[in-house]
Amino acid sequence: MAGHSKWANIQHRKGRQDEKRGKVWTRVIREIMVAARQGGGDPKENPRLRLAIEKAKAANMPSDTVKKNIDKATGNLEGVSYEEIRYEGYGIGGAAVMIDTMTDNRVRTVAEVRHAFSKHGGNLGTDGSVSFQFKHCGQIVFAPGANEDKVMEVALEAGAEDVITDDDGAIEVLTSPAGFEAVKNALEAAGLVPAMAEVTMRAENTIDLTGDDAVRMQKLLDVLEDLDDVQEVYHNAGLDE
């Protein structure tokens, strides 16, 4: 992808997430509650809940906090009920943006998302307006310099759908959402520790933005990510550093 490094974009995104650690617990708690409510409170029988608990551990959340929120979600304790809503829109230069939210007040949430788009140069779209530009998949990323042959051998043997080596040397392993855990566990068991691993919405194509356009797009993304009800923001902008 000309104009920017995919690896630099991934590192940039991880850095932005690290800067916003204050919101991580809130987001993880909501994910735990929704996962437990939909699939039950037993992580062994609920893959989505297992992934949410992994995120909680990575964020150093105490196990009793995790258990308390599972209990709330499954009716053992009184708690707030969240619903998942996805919004789609366009950012600077026609870049596609998808926002996953969990909210107890959809009127408030859509108003805040619409305001963020309109104030910062984007437009809130309709359902399906940009989602076709993304693929729901597991994405496991290795830094440039990783053993490409070994990653490919282990990943494909474990059921990965594709292994892509980017121009900058980063290696992406793509899986089905259902196959993500098995592939990730196989890679880690082989001593291959990824820089990033998640079930995500991966952009099929990238729109490169530079200069002022890149700055404006990043501002829009920051404002969206800072909204209380927002869990994840996906986009297809390649942002020039």
C-alpha atoms as a PDB file:
ATOM      1  CA  MET A   1       0.000   0.000   0.000  1.00  0.00           C
ATOM      2  CA  ALA A   2       1.708   3.120  -1.185  1.00  0.00           C
ATOM      3  CA  GLY A   3       2.065   6.183   0.990  1.00  0.00           C
ATOM      4  CA  HIS A   4       2.134   4.499   4.379  1.00  0.00           C
ATOM      5  CA  SER A   5       3.247   1.417   6.264  1.00  0.00           C
ATOM      6  CA  LYS A   6       0.570  -0.987   7.466  1.00  0.00           C
ATOM      7  CA  TRP A   7       2.821  -1.942  10.371  1.00  0.00           C
ATOM      8  CA  ALA A   8       3.192   1.731  11.310  1.00  0.00           C
ATOM      9  CA  ASN A   9      -0.598   2.070  11.207  1.00  0.00           C
ATOM     10  CA  ILE A  10      -1.028  -0.937  13.500  1.00  0.00           C
ATOM     11  CA  GLN A  11       1.565   0.406  15.945  1.00  0.00           C
ATOM     12  CA  HIS A  12      -0.067   3.823  15.811  1.00  0.00           C
ATOM     13  CA  ARG A  13      -3.463   2.308  16.610  1.00  0.00           C
ATOM     14  CA  LYS A  14      -2.044   0.294  19.510  1.00  0.00           C
ATOM     15  CA  GLY A  15      -0.384   3.443  20.843  1.00  0.00           C
ATOM     16  CA  ARG A  16      -3.652   5.352  20.711  1.00  0.00           C
ATOM     17  CA  GLN A  17      -5.388   2.525  22.558  1.00  0.00           C
ATOM     18  CA  ASP A  18      -2.678   2.492  25.226  1.00  0.00           C
ATOM     19  CA  GLU A  19      -3.165   6.223  25.749  1.00  0.00           C
ATOM     20  CA  LYS A  20      -6.839   5.573  26.504  1.00  0.00           C
ATOM     21  CA  ARG A  21      -6.384   2.865  29.110  1.00  0.00           C
ATOM     22  CA  GLY A  22      -8.795   4.701  31.387  1.00  0.00           C
ATOM     23  CA  LYS A  23     -11.653   3.549  29.161  1.00  0.00           C
ATOM     24  CA  VAL A  24     -10.460  -0.011  28.787  1.00  0.00           C
ATOM     25  CA  TRP A  25     -12.112  -1.384  31.924  1.00  0.00           C
ATOM     26  CA  THR A  26     -15.443   0.203  31.023  1.00  0.00           C
ATOM     27  CA  ARG A  27     -15.352  -1.308  27.546  1.00  0.00           C
ATOM     28  CA  VAL A  28     -14.228  -4.728  28.736  1.00  0.00           C
ATOM     29  CA  ILE A  29     -16.948  -4.840  31.414  1.00  0.00           C
ATOM     30  CA  ARG A  30     -19.608  -4.094  28.809  1.00  0.00           C
ATOM     31  CA  GLU A  31     -18.203  -6.770  26.505  1.00  0.00           C
ATOM     32  CA  ILE A  32     -18.192  -9.316  29.359  1.00  0.00           C
ATOM     33  CA  MET A  33     -21.802  -8.492  30.235  1.00  0.00           C
ATOM     34  CA  VAL A  34     -23.119  -8.733  26.680  1.00  0.00           C
ATOM     35  CA  ALA A  35     -21.143 -11.920  25.967  1.00  0.00           C
ATOM     36  CA  ALA A  36     -22.397 -13.558  29.173  1.00  0.00           C
ATOM     37  CA  ARG A  37     -25.995 -12.487  28.595  1.00  0.00           C
ATOM     38  CA  GLN A  38     -26.033 -13.860  25.044  1.00  0.00           C
ATOM     39  CA  GLY A  39     -23.979 -17.027  25.475  1.00  0.00           C
ATOM     40  CA  GLY A  40     -24.142 -17.863  29.171  1.00  0.00           C
ATOM     41  CA  GLY A  41     -21.755 -17.300  32.062  1.00  0.00           C
ATOM     42  CA  ASP A  42     -19.508 -20.342  31.536  1.00  0.00           C
ATOM     43  CA  PRO A  43     -16.372 -19.334  29.590  1.00  0.00           C
ATOM     44  CA  LYS A  44     -15.753 -22.960  28.580  1.00  0.00           C
ATOM     45  CA  GLU A  45     -19.010 -22.944  26.619  1.00  0.00           C
ATOM     46  CA  ASN A  46     -18.841 -19.312  25.438  1.00  0.00           C
ATOM     47  CA  PRO A  47     -15.967 -18.349  23.096  1.00  0.00           C
ATOM     48  CA  ARG A  48     -16.914 -14.663  23.078  1.00  0.00           C
ATOM     49  CA  LEU A  49     -16.822 -14.561  26.866  1.00  0.00           C
ATOM     50  CA  ARG A  50     -13.421 -16.281  26.879  1.00  0.00           C
ATOM     51  CA  LEU A  51     -12.004 -13.552  24.623  1.00  0.00           C
ATOM     52  CA  ALA A  52     -13.544 -10.845  26.808  1.00  0.00           C
ATOM     53  CA  ILE A  53     -11.974 -12.394  29.919  1.00  0.00           C
ATOM     54  CA  GLU A  54      -8.610 -12.468  28.115  1.00  0.00           C
ATOM     55  CA  LYS A  55      -8.965  -8.743  27.474  1.00  0.00           C
ATOM     56  CA  ALA A  56      -9.814  -8.236  31.149  1.00  0.00           C
ATOM     57  CA  LYS A  57      -6.685 -10.097  32.233  1.00  0.00           C
ATOM     58  CA  ALA A  58      -4.557  -8.068  29.820  1.00  0.00           C
ATOM     59  CA  ALA A  59      -6.004  -4.908  31.396  1.00  0.00           C
ATOM     60  CA  ASN A  60      -5.166  -6.224  34.896  1.00  0.00           C
ATOM     61  CA  MET A  61      -8.811  -6.410  35.924  1.00  0.00           C
ATOM     62  CA  PRO A  62      -9.321  -8.338  39.196  1.00  0.00           C
ATOM     63  CA  SER A  63     -11.017 -11.712  38.775  1.00  0.00           C
ATOM     64  CA  ASP A  64     -13.730 -10.798  41.288  1.00  0.00           C
ATOM     65  CA  THR A  65     -14.667  -7.804  39.110  1.00  0.00           C
ATOM     66  CA  VAL A  66     -14.955 -10.123  36.128  1.00  0.00           C
ATOM     67  CA  LYS A  67     -17.117 -12.584  38.094  1.00  0.00           C
ATOM     68  CA  LYS A  68     -19.346  -9.833  39.467  1.00  0.00           C
ATOM     69  CA  ASN A  69     -20.139  -8.562  35.982  1.00  0.00           C
ATOM     70  CA  ILE A  70     -20.797 -12.054  34.638  1.00  0.00           C
ATOM     71  CA  ASP A  71     -23.227 -12.518  37.524  1.00  0.00           C
ATOM     72  CA  LYS A  72     -24.933  -9.221  36.696  1.00  0.00           C
ATOM     73  CA  ALA A  73     -25.343 -10.232  33.085  1.00  0.00           C
ATOM     74  CA  THR A  74     -26.727 -13.670  33.860  1.00  0.00           C
ATOM     75  CA  GLY A  75     -29.265 -12.375  36.351  1.00  0.00           C
ATOM     76  CA  ASN A  76     -27.538 -13.336  39.586  1.00  0.00           C
ATOM     77  CA  LEU A  77     -26.993  -9.658  40.424  1.00  0.00           C
ATOM     78  CA  GLU A  78     -28.916  -6.542  39.445  1.00  0.00           C
ATOM     79  CA  GLY A  79     -27.238  -4.684  36.608  1.00  0.00           C
ATOM     80  CA  VAL A  80     -27.656  -2.452  33.588  1.00  0.00           C
ATOM     81  CA  SER A  81     -28.770  -4.026  30.315  1.00  0.00           C
ATOM     82  CA  TYR A  82     -26.766  -3.001  27.247  1.00  0.00           C
ATOM     83  CA  GLU A  83     -27.641  -3.457  23.586  1.00  0.00           C
ATOM     84  CA  GLU A  84     -25.194  -3.566  20.715  1.00  0.00           C
ATOM     85  CA  ILE A  85     -25.651  -1.081  17.878  1.00  0.00           C
ATOM     86  CA  ARG A  86     -23.377  -0.552  14.860  1.00  0.00           C
ATOM     87  CA  TYR A  87     -23.190   2.768  13.035  1.00  0.00           C
ATOM     88  CA  GLU A  88     -21.658   3.359   9.617  1.00  0.00           C
ATOM     89  CA  GLY A  89     -20.436   6.520   7.987  1.00  0.00           C
ATOM     90  CA  TYR A  90     -17.845   8.356   5.953  1.00  0.00           C
ATOM     91  CA  GLY A  91     -14.824  10.284   7.140  1.00  0.00           C
ATOM     92  CA  ILE A  92     -12.372  12.552   5.351  1.00  0.00           C
ATOM     93  CA  GLY A  93     -11.804  11.765   1.688  1.00  0.00           C
ATOM     94  CA  GLY A  94     -14.646   9.259   1.663  1.00  0.00           C
ATOM     95  CA  ALA A  95     -12.875   6.905   4.084  1.00  0.00           C
ATOM     96  CA  ALA A  96     -15.237   4.265   5.464  1.00  0.00           C
ATOM     97  CA  VAL A  97     -15.893   4.201   9.215  1.00  0.00           C
ATOM     98  CA  MET A  98     -17.798   1.671  11.329  1.00  0.00           C
ATOM     99  CA  ILE A  99     -18.517   2.214  15.013  1.00  0.00           C
ATOM    100  CA  ASP A 100     -19.555  -0.577  17.374  1.00  0.00           C
ATOM    101  CA  THR A 101     -21.350   0.643  20.476  1.00  0.00           C
ATOM    102  CA  MET A 102     -22.898  -0.831  23.591  1.00  0.00           C
ATOM    103  CA  THR A 103     -25.518   1.388  25.122  1.00  0.00           C
ATOM    104  CA  ASP A 104     -28.387   1.587  27.571  1.00  0.00           C
ATOM    105  CA  ASN A 105     -29.788   4.612  25.686  1.00  0.00           C
ATOM    106  CA  ARG A 106     -29.746   4.405  21.887  1.00  0.00           C
ATOM    107  CA  VAL A 107     -31.215   7.923  21.457  1.00  0.00           C
ATOM    108  CA  ARG A 108     -28.250   9.424  23.311  1.00  0.00           C
ATOM    109  CA  THR A 109     -25.733   7.279  21.456  1.00  0.00           C
ATOM    110  CA  VAL A 110     -26.885   8.043  17.912  1.00  0.00           C
ATOM    111  CA  ALA A 111     -27.032  11.765  18.727  1.00  0.00           C
ATOM    112  CA  GLU A 112     -23.439  11.723  19.972  1.00  0.00           C
ATOM    113  CA  VAL A 113     -22.173   9.727  16.991  1.00  0.00           C
ATOM    114  CA  ARG A 114     -23.996  11.952  14.491  1.00  0.00           C
ATOM    115  CA  HIS A 115     -22.639  15.094  16.175  1.00  0.00           C
ATOM    116  CA  ALA A 116     -19.068  13.764  16.051  1.00  0.00           C
ATOM    117  CA  PHE A 117     -19.327  13.078  12.327  1.00  0.00           C
ATOM    118  CA  SER A 118     -20.936  16.414  11.435  1.00  0.00           C
ATOM    119  CA  LYS A 119     -18.570  18.497  13.565  1.00  0.00           C
ATOM    120  CA  HIS A 120     -15.402  16.884  12.217  1.00  0.00           C
ATOM    121  CA  GLY A 121     -16.023  16.635   8.500  1.00  0.00           C
ATOM    122  CA  GLY A 122     -17.731  13.268   8.155  1.00  0.00           C
ATOM    123  CA  ASN A 123     -21.225  11.971   7.529  1.00  0.00           C
ATOM    124  CA  LEU A 124     -23.261   9.357   9.362  1.00  0.00           C
ATOM    125  CA  GLY A 125     -24.516   6.833   6.796  1.00  0.00           C
ATOM    126  CA  THR A 126     -27.230   4.202   6.717  1.00  0.00           C
ATOM    127  CA  ASP A 127     -26.992   0.536   7.639  1.00  0.00           C
ATOM    128  CA  GLY A 128     -24.921  -1.266   5.031  1.00  0.00           C
ATOM    129  CA  SER A 129     -23.473   1.887   3.499  1.00  0.00           C
ATOM    130  CA  VAL A 130     -19.853   0.907   4.228  1.00  0.00           C
ATOM    131  CA  SER A 131     -19.940  -2.512   5.921  1.00  0.00           C
ATOM    132  CA  PHE A 132     -19.406  -4.280   2.582  1.00  0.00           C
ATOM    133  CA  GLN A 133     -15.888  -2.785   2.591  1.00  0.00           C
ATOM    134  CA  PHE A 134     -14.917  -4.781   5.694  1.00  0.00           C
ATOM    135  CA  LYS A 135     -14.494  -8.470   6.492  1.00  0.00           C
ATOM    136  CA  HIS A 136     -15.370  -9.936   9.893  1.00  0.00           C
ATOM    137  CA  CYS A 137     -12.366 -12.102  10.709  1.00  0.00           C
ATOM    138  CA  GLY A 138      -9.669 -13.013  13.161  1.00  0.00           C
ATOM    139  CA  GLN A 139      -6.478 -11.009  12.591  1.00  0.00           C
ATOM    140  CA  ILE A 140      -3.167 -12.067  14.117  1.00  0.00           C
ATOM    141  CA  VAL A 141      -0.264  -9.749  13.313  1.00  0.00           C
ATOM    142  CA  PHE A 142       3.469 -10.403  13.660  1.00  0.00           C
ATOM    143  CA  ALA A 143       6.088  -7.650  13.567  1.00  0.00           C
ATOM    144  CA  PRO A 144       8.525  -7.377  10.652  1.00  0.00           C
ATOM    145  CA  GLY A 145      11.313  -9.895  11.130  1.00  0.00           C
ATOM    146  CA  ALA A 146       9.132 -12.790  12.309  1.00  0.00           C
ATOM    147  CA  ASN A 147       9.816 -16.219  10.802  1.00  0.00           C
ATOM    148  CA  GLU A 148       7.491 -16.137   7.812  1.00  0.00           C
ATOM    149  CA  ASP A 149       7.832 -19.828   6.901  1.00  0.00           C
ATOM    150  CA  LYS A 150       7.141 -20.990  10.446  1.00  0.00           C
ATOM    151  CA  VAL A 151       4.180 -18.639  10.893  1.00  0.00           C
ATOM    152  CA  MET A 152       2.678 -19.838   7.622  1.00  0.00           C
ATOM    153  CA  GLU A 153       3.230 -23.528   8.363  1.00  0.00           C
ATOM    154  CA  VAL A 154       1.729 -23.411  11.876  1.00  0.00           C
ATOM    155  CA  ALA A 155      -1.130 -21.080  10.962  1.00  0.00           C
ATOM    156  CA  LEU A 156      -2.328 -23.001   7.919  1.00  0.00           C
ATOM    157  CA  GLU A 157      -2.018 -26.323   9.744  1.00  0.00           C
ATOM    158  CA  ALA A 158      -4.218 -24.890  12.522  1.00  0.00           C
ATOM    159  CA  GLY A 159      -6.897 -23.796  10.057  1.00  0.00           C
ATOM    160  CA  ALA A 160      -6.033 -20.204   9.119  1.00  0.00           C
ATOM    161  CA  GLU A 161      -7.718 -18.884   5.980  1.00  0.00           C
ATOM    162  CA  ASP A 162      -4.781 -16.838   4.710  1.00  0.00           C
ATOM    163  CA  VAL A 163      -1.297 -15.602   5.595  1.00  0.00           C
ATOM    164  CA  ILE A 164      -0.239 -12.265   4.099  1.00  0.00           C
ATOM    165  CA  THR A 165       3.210 -10.698   4.205  1.00  0.00           C
ATOM    166  CA  ASP A 166       2.866  -6.951   3.803  1.00  0.00           C
ATOM    167  CA  ASP A 167       5.332  -4.777   1.906  1.00  0.00           C
ATOM    168  CA  ASP A 168       6.834  -3.549   5.185  1.00  0.00           C
ATOM    169  CA  GLY A 169       7.515  -7.108   6.403  1.00  0.00           C
ATOM    170  CA  ALA A 170       4.640  -7.469   8.857  1.00  0.00           C
ATOM    171  CA  ILE A 171       2.841 -10.815   8.669  1.00  0.00           C
ATOM    172  CA  GLU A 172      -0.949 -11.040   8.950  1.00  0.00           C
ATOM    173  CA  VAL A 173      -2.681 -14.297   9.720  1.00  0.00           C
ATOM    174  CA  LEU A 174      -6.382 -14.222   8.866  1.00  0.00           C
ATOM    175  CA  THR A 175      -8.903 -16.678  10.300  1.00  0.00           C
ATOM    176  CA  SER A 176     -12.626 -17.148  10.513  1.00  0.00           C
ATOM    177  CA  PRO A 177     -14.034 -15.636  13.733  1.00  0.00           C
ATOM    178  CA  ALA A 178     -14.788 -19.168  14.978  1.00  0.00           C
ATOM    179  CA  GLY A 179     -11.280 -20.394  14.152  1.00  0.00           C
ATOM    180  CA  PHE A 180      -9.440 -17.485  15.756  1.00  0.00           C
ATOM    181  CA  GLU A 181      -8.770 -19.076  19.148  1.00  0.00           C
ATOM    182  CA  ALA A 182      -7.449 -22.353  17.757  1.00  0.00           C
ATOM    183  CA  VAL A 183      -5.035 -20.626  15.357  1.00  0.00           C
ATOM    184  CA  LYS A 184      -3.832 -18.129  17.979  1.00  0.00           C
ATOM    185  CA  ASN A 185      -3.263 -20.902  20.526  1.00  0.00           C
ATOM    186  CA  ALA A 186      -1.355 -23.014  17.989  1.00  0.00           C
ATOM    187  CA  LEU A 187       0.920 -20.109  17.057  1.00  0.00           C
ATOM    188  CA  GLU A 188       1.653 -19.277  20.691  1.00  0.00           C
ATOM    189  CA  ALA A 189       2.288 -22.956  21.493  1.00  0.00           C
ATOM    190  CA  ALA A 190       4.894 -22.934  18.701  1.00  0.00           C
ATOM    191  CA  GLY A 191       6.636 -19.986  20.363  1.00  0.00           C
ATOM    192  CA  LEU A 192       5.240 -17.425  17.897  1.00  0.00           C
ATOM    193  CA  VAL A 193       3.938 -14.517  19.959  1.00  0.00           C
ATOM    194  CA  PRO A 194       1.931 -11.972  17.921  1.00  0.00           C
ATOM    195  CA  ALA A 195       2.139  -8.222  18.341  1.00  0.00           C
ATOM    196  CA  MET A 196      -1.643  -8.026  18.044  1.00  0.00           C
ATOM    197  CA  ALA A 197      -4.440 -10.588  17.911  1.00  0.00           C
ATOM    198  CA  GLU A 198      -8.156  -9.858  17.765  1.00  0.00           C
ATOM    199  CA  VAL A 199     -11.439 -10.630  16.084  1.00  0.00           C
ATOM    200  CA  THR A 200     -12.063  -7.507  14.068  1.00  0.00           C
ATOM    201  CA  MET A 201     -13.595  -5.892  11.011  1.00  0.00           C
ATOM    202  CA  ARG A 202     -10.680  -5.751   8.549  1.00  0.00           C
ATOM    203  CA  ALA A 203     -10.799  -3.241   5.726  1.00  0.00           C
ATOM    204  CA  GLU A 204     -10.650  -4.905   2.301  1.00  0.00           C
ATOM    205  CA  ASN A 205      -9.094  -1.799   0.706  1.00  0.00           C
ATOM    206  CA  THR A 206      -7.333   1.284   2.068  1.00  0.00           C
ATOM    207  CA  ILE A 207      -7.720   4.975   1.270  1.00  0.00           C
ATOM    208  CA  ASP A 208      -4.418   6.785   1.827  1.00  0.00           C
ATOM    209  CA  LEU A 209      -4.652  10.173   3.535  1.00  0.00           C
ATOM    210  CA  THR A 210      -1.761  12.574   4.004  1.00  0.00           C
ATOM    211  CA  GLY A 211      -1.119  16.019   5.453  1.00  0.00           C
ATOM    212  CA  ASP A 212      -4.135  17.957   6.680  1.00  0.00           C
ATOM    213  CA  ASP A 213      -6.553  15.243   5.570  1.00  0.00           C
ATOM    214  CA  ALA A 214      -4.746  12.694   7.753  1.00  0.00           C
ATOM    215  CA  VAL A 215      -4.803  15.078  10.724  1.00  0.00           C
ATOM    216  CA  ARG A 216      -8.536  15.746  10.312  1.00  0.00           C
ATOM    217  CA  MET A 217      -9.309  12.038   9.958  1.00  0.00           C
ATOM    218  CA  GLN A 218      -7.362  11.212  13.104  1.00  0.00           C
ATOM    219  CA  LYS A 219      -9.258  13.902  14.986  1.00  0.00           C
ATOM    220  CA  LEU A 220     -12.585  12.406  13.897  1.00  0.00           C
ATOM    221  CA  LEU A 221     -11.455   8.932  14.968  1.00  0.00           C
ATOM    222  CA  ASP A 222     -10.246  10.241  18.341  1.00  0.00           C
ATOM    223  CA  VAL A 223     -13.559  11.973  19.030  1.00  0.00           C
ATOM    224  CA  LEU A 224     -15.534   8.857  18.111  1.00  0.00           C
ATOM    225  CA  GLU A 225     -13.329   6.604  20.230  1.00  0.00           C
ATOM    226  CA  ASP A 226     -13.698   8.937  23.211  1.00  0.00           C
ATOM    227  CA  LEU A 227     -17.505   8.622  23.250  1.00  0.00           C
ATOM    228  CA  ASP A 228     -18.597   6.714  26.356  1.00  0.00           C
ATOM    229  CA  ASP A 229     -20.785   4.220  24.483  1.00  0.00           C
ATOM    230  CA  VAL A 230     -18.241   3.366  21.780  1.00  0.00           C
ATOM    231  CA  GLN A 231     -16.529  -0.026  21.994  1.00  0.00           C
ATOM    232  CA  GLU A 232     -14.601  -0.140  18.703  1.00  0.00           C
ATOM    233  CA  VAL A 233     -13.997   2.097  15.694  1.00  0.00           C
ATOM    234  CA  TYR A 234     -12.995   0.477  12.397  1.00  0.00           C
ATOM    235  CA  HIS A 235     -11.893   2.406   9.319  1.00  0.00           C
ATOM    236  CA  ASN A 236     -10.081   1.982   6.016  1.00  0.00           C
ATOM    237  CA  ALA A 237      -7.924   5.107   6.151  1.00  0.00           C
ATOM    238  CA  GLY A 238      -4.173   4.771   5.746  1.00  0.00           C
ATOM    239  CA  LEU A 239      -2.906   7.646   7.865  1.00  0.00           C
ATOM    240  CA  ASP A 240       0.403   9.219   6.937  1.00  0.00           C
ATOM    241  CA  GLU A 241       2.561   9.767   9.985  1.00  0.00           C
END
